[in-house]
């Protein structure tokens, strides 16, 4: 785990399902005053040499905070969220946030704080104002980009990826002509109204300076299949 910007820590772990031998996905720990936020956390396998070192680093961050918020941007990014919830819930006040479909991916009776599903293009404050959760897609997607005002960081699950030092929209399925420009892109453009200096992505490299400009460029560039 490394600190890529003040209070923003990145670590990577091998994707458990998609390109498992070659794709490492990014996970983030954000320190916001007395709160620690974990975004789409994924632990390496137990026999991975990085496993114990990562947990030690996370333990140190959790020990220095009063609140822990574990947030998933997409239901299939639930990954290690429940494991970490169980690890820390007795040490610090801990909550797990996600789309209602996250419930089906939890093995135990773990409390789930449901991210509000609003009208496309709108947002809702969650975790006592720690983050704004945005509704995107037409039809509405289960992915919920998260904006953290204090560190000016915007986190995506899969809608935006890092490519060639910049950002691109990930259009991973075939759609009818015009759908992308006329229905999907307009639901992302409200994110340009944010004061986002950093854009945190799970695939590719994050942008730690000039995030809004990088996002605007991505929306004006043809999408990628990654």
Protein backbone atom coordinates (compact mmCIF):
# COMPACT_ATOMS: atom_id res chain seq x y z
CA UNK A 1 0.00 0.00 0.00
CA UNK A 2 1.28 3.44 -0.90
CA UNK A 3 0.05 6.98 -0.27
CA UNK A 4 -0.62 8.54 -3.68
CA UNK A 5 -1.93 11.87 -2.34
CA UNK A 6 -2.34 13.27 1.18
CA UNK A 7 -4.59 10.85 3.04
CA UNK A 8 -5.26 8.67 -0.02
CA UNK A 9 -3.72 5.19 -0.02
CA UNK A 10 -3.74 2.72 -2.91
CA UNK A 11 -3.15 -1.01 -2.94
CA UNK A 12 -3.65 -3.64 -5.61
CA UNK A 13 -4.75 -7.26 -5.53
CA UNK A 14 -5.26 -9.84 -8.26
CA UNK A 15 -8.78 -9.83 -9.66
CA UNK A 16 -10.53 -12.96 -8.33
CA UNK A 17 -12.60 -13.60 -11.47
CA UNK A 18 -11.63 -11.49 -14.50
CA UNK A 19 -8.10 -12.00 -15.90
CA UNK A 20 -7.02 -13.50 -12.56
CA UNK A 21 -3.42 -14.06 -13.61
CA UNK A 22 -2.80 -10.69 -15.22
CA UNK A 23 -5.23 -8.10 -13.88
CA UNK A 24 -4.64 -6.41 -10.53
CA UNK A 25 -7.41 -4.10 -9.38
CA UNK A 26 -6.96 -0.94 -7.35
CA UNK A 27 -8.42 -0.49 -3.88
CA UNK A 28 -8.32 2.66 -1.77
CA UNK A 29 -8.15 3.79 1.83
CA UNK A 30 -9.03 7.44 2.45
CA UNK A 31 -8.29 9.19 5.72
CA UNK A 32 -10.81 12.01 6.19
CA UNK A 33 -10.34 13.69 9.58
CA UNK A 34 -11.39 11.04 12.16
CA UNK A 35 -12.92 8.69 9.55
CA UNK A 36 -11.31 5.98 7.45
CA UNK A 37 -13.05 5.02 4.19
CA UNK A 38 -12.23 1.79 2.36
CA UNK A 39 -13.39 1.75 -1.27
CA UNK A 40 -13.98 -1.60 -3.01
CA UNK A 41 -11.46 -3.36 -0.76
CA UNK A 42 -9.97 -6.65 -1.95
CA UNK A 43 -7.50 -8.64 0.11
CA UNK A 44 -4.83 -10.76 -1.56
CA UNK A 45 -5.16 -14.50 -1.13
CA UNK A 46 -4.15 -15.81 2.28
CA UNK A 47 -0.99 -17.42 0.90
CA UNK A 48 0.04 -14.25 -0.96
CA UNK A 49 3.18 -12.71 0.60
CA UNK A 50 1.47 -9.29 0.56
CA UNK A 51 -1.57 -10.44 2.55
CA UNK A 52 -0.24 -10.02 6.08
CA UNK A 53 1.62 -6.82 5.32
CA UNK A 54 -1.51 -5.23 3.89
CA UNK A 55 -3.58 -6.20 6.92
CA UNK A 56 -0.92 -4.72 9.19
CA UNK A 57 -1.11 -1.45 7.27
CA UNK A 58 -4.90 -1.42 7.39
CA UNK A 59 -4.84 -2.22 11.11
CA UNK A 60 -2.64 0.83 11.70
CA UNK A 61 -5.01 3.10 9.78
CA UNK A 62 -8.05 1.69 11.57
CA UNK A 63 -6.41 2.08 14.98
CA UNK A 64 -5.91 5.79 14.37
CA UNK A 65 -9.54 6.51 13.42
CA UNK A 66 -12.84 6.92 15.23
CA UNK A 67 -15.08 5.72 12.39
CA UNK A 68 -14.69 3.22 9.56
CA UNK A 69 -16.86 3.29 6.45
CA UNK A 70 -16.54 0.43 3.96
CA UNK A 71 -18.02 1.40 0.60
CA UNK A 72 -18.70 -0.64 -2.52
CA UNK A 73 -19.24 1.09 -5.86
CA UNK A 74 -20.82 -1.96 -7.56
CA UNK A 75 -22.37 -5.12 -6.07
CA UNK A 76 -19.73 -7.41 -7.62
CA UNK A 77 -17.04 -5.29 -5.96
CA UNK A 78 -18.24 -6.49 -2.55
CA UNK A 79 -15.18 -8.76 -2.51
CA UNK A 80 -13.46 -8.49 0.90
CA UNK A 81 -15.83 -5.88 2.33
CA UNK A 82 -17.58 -8.32 4.66
CA UNK A 83 -14.31 -9.86 5.83
CA UNK A 84 -12.97 -6.44 6.78
CA UNK A 85 -16.27 -5.48 8.41
CA UNK A 86 -15.98 -8.52 10.68
CA UNK A 87 -12.33 -7.76 11.40
CA UNK A 88 -12.89 -4.18 12.55
CA UNK A 89 -16.47 -3.94 13.83
CA UNK A 90 -15.43 -4.62 17.43
CA UNK A 91 -12.47 -2.24 17.33
CA UNK A 92 -14.08 0.86 15.80
CA UNK A 93 -17.54 1.96 14.73
CA UNK A 94 -17.86 0.31 11.31
CA UNK A 95 -20.49 0.43 8.59
CA UNK A 96 -20.76 -1.30 5.22
CA UNK A 97 -22.38 0.63 2.36
CA UNK A 98 -23.59 -0.50 -1.03
CA UNK A 99 -26.34 -0.98 -3.59
CA UNK A 100 -29.23 -3.13 -2.31
CA UNK A 101 -27.94 -6.04 -4.43
CA UNK A 102 -24.84 -6.21 -2.22
CA UNK A 103 -27.05 -8.02 0.31
CA UNK A 104 -27.12 -11.13 -1.90
CA UNK A 105 -23.30 -11.26 -1.81
CA UNK A 106 -22.98 -11.25 1.97
CA UNK A 107 -22.53 -14.63 3.61
CA UNK A 108 -23.65 -13.62 7.08
CA UNK A 109 -26.25 -11.38 8.64
CA UNK A 110 -23.97 -8.40 8.18
CA UNK A 111 -25.75 -5.04 8.47
CA UNK A 112 -25.84 -3.22 5.15
CA UNK A 113 -26.32 0.52 4.83
CA UNK A 114 -28.14 0.91 1.54
CA UNK A 115 -26.95 3.57 -0.87
CA UNK A 116 -30.03 5.54 -2.01
CA UNK A 117 -31.12 4.91 -5.60
CA UNK A 118 -32.18 8.29 -6.90
CA UNK A 119 -33.06 9.70 -10.27
CA UNK A 120 -30.31 9.39 -12.86
CA UNK A 121 -27.91 12.32 -12.63
CA UNK A 122 -28.68 13.04 -8.98
CA UNK A 123 -26.68 12.36 -5.83
CA UNK A 124 -27.31 11.57 -2.18
CA UNK A 125 -25.08 12.18 0.83
CA UNK A 126 -24.06 9.01 2.68
CA UNK A 127 -21.93 8.13 5.69
CA UNK A 128 -22.85 11.34 7.53
CA UNK A 129 -21.80 13.45 4.57
CA UNK A 130 -18.46 11.75 4.03
CA UNK A 131 -19.37 11.03 0.42
CA UNK A 132 -21.90 11.81 -2.27
CA UNK A 133 -23.27 8.76 -4.12
CA UNK A 134 -24.26 9.42 -7.74
CA UNK A 135 -26.84 7.59 -9.80
CA UNK A 136 -25.73 7.01 -13.40
CA UNK A 137 -26.95 5.16 -16.46
CA UNK A 138 -30.06 5.01 -18.61
CA UNK A 139 -31.41 2.55 -17.66
CA UNK A 140 -30.04 3.13 -14.17
CA UNK A 141 -26.89 1.18 -13.38
CA UNK A 142 -26.03 -0.58 -10.16
CA UNK A 143 -22.68 1.23 -10.15
CA UNK A 144 -22.59 4.26 -7.86
CA UNK A 145 -19.64 6.67 -8.30
CA UNK A 146 -18.62 8.23 -4.99
CA UNK A 147 -17.36 11.77 -4.46
CA UNK A 148 -15.45 12.65 -1.28
CA UNK A 149 -15.52 16.45 -0.86
CA UNK A 150 -12.77 16.74 1.75
CA UNK A 151 -9.99 15.11 -0.34
CA UNK A 152 -11.72 16.18 -3.59
CA UNK A 153 -11.65 12.58 -4.79
CA UNK A 154 -14.12 10.91 -7.18
CA UNK A 155 -14.14 7.10 -7.13
CA UNK A 156 -15.48 4.84 -9.89
CA UNK A 157 -16.08 1.13 -10.09
CA UNK A 158 -15.96 0.30 -13.81
CA UNK A 159 -17.58 3.23 -15.68
CA UNK A 160 -14.28 5.12 -15.89
CA UNK A 161 -10.87 3.43 -16.20
CA UNK A 162 -7.30 4.60 -16.42
CA UNK A 163 -5.69 4.33 -19.88
CA UNK A 164 -2.37 5.76 -21.07
CA UNK A 165 -1.98 8.15 -18.17
CA UNK A 166 -5.49 9.55 -18.60
CA UNK A 167 -9.08 8.41 -18.24
CA UNK A 168 -11.55 6.73 -20.59
CA UNK A 169 -15.15 5.64 -20.36
CA UNK A 170 -15.33 1.83 -20.31
CA UNK A 171 -18.04 0.72 -22.71
CA UNK A 172 -17.86 -3.01 -22.20
CA UNK A 173 -20.99 -4.16 -23.98
CA UNK A 174 -22.49 -3.74 -27.43
CA UNK A 175 -25.30 -1.20 -27.59
CA UNK A 176 -27.52 0.32 -30.24
CA UNK A 177 -26.06 3.22 -32.27
CA UNK A 178 -26.52 6.52 -30.49
CA UNK A 179 -27.22 5.01 -27.08
CA UNK A 180 -23.77 5.88 -25.71
CA UNK A 181 -23.85 9.55 -26.76
CA UNK A 182 -27.55 10.16 -26.21
CA UNK A 183 -28.34 8.19 -23.08
CA UNK A 184 -25.23 7.18 -21.15
CA UNK A 185 -22.83 10.11 -21.49
CA UNK A 186 -25.42 12.67 -20.31
CA UNK A 187 -25.69 10.80 -16.99
CA UNK A 188 -21.93 11.22 -16.41
CA UNK A 189 -21.70 14.91 -17.27
CA UNK A 190 -23.12 16.13 -13.92
CA UNK A 191 -19.91 14.78 -12.37
CA UNK A 192 -18.04 17.59 -14.13
CA UNK A 193 -19.74 20.02 -11.77
CA UNK A 194 -17.70 18.56 -8.91
CA UNK A 195 -14.41 20.02 -7.74
CA UNK A 196 -12.63 16.71 -8.36
CA UNK A 197 -8.86 16.98 -8.20
CA UNK A 198 -8.41 13.21 -8.02
CA UNK A 199 -10.16 10.40 -9.86
CA UNK A 200 -9.76 6.96 -8.31
CA UNK A 201 -10.28 3.96 -10.58
CA UNK A 202 -10.13 0.23 -9.96
CA UNK A 203 -8.72 -0.55 -13.43
CA UNK A 204 -5.64 1.30 -14.63
CA UNK A 205 -3.89 4.21 -12.94
CA UNK A 206 -5.72 6.86 -10.91
CA UNK A 207 -5.41 10.56 -11.68
CA UNK A 208 -4.10 12.50 -8.70
CA UNK A 209 -3.90 15.97 -10.27
CA UNK A 210 -6.31 17.70 -12.64
CA UNK A 211 -8.99 15.08 -12.21
CA UNK A 212 -11.86 17.16 -13.54
CA UNK A 213 -9.98 18.02 -16.73
CA UNK A 214 -9.06 14.37 -17.21
CA UNK A 215 -12.67 13.32 -16.74
CA UNK A 216 -13.88 15.98 -19.19
CA UNK A 217 -11.38 14.69 -21.76
CA UNK A 218 -12.62 11.14 -21.23
CA UNK A 219 -16.21 12.18 -21.89
CA UNK A 220 -15.12 13.86 -25.12
CA UNK A 221 -13.16 10.80 -26.32
CA UNK A 222 -14.56 7.58 -27.80
CA UNK A 223 -14.96 4.89 -25.12
CA UNK A 224 -12.59 1.99 -24.66
CA UNK A 225 -13.23 -1.72 -24.37
CA UNK A 226 -10.23 -1.79 -21.97
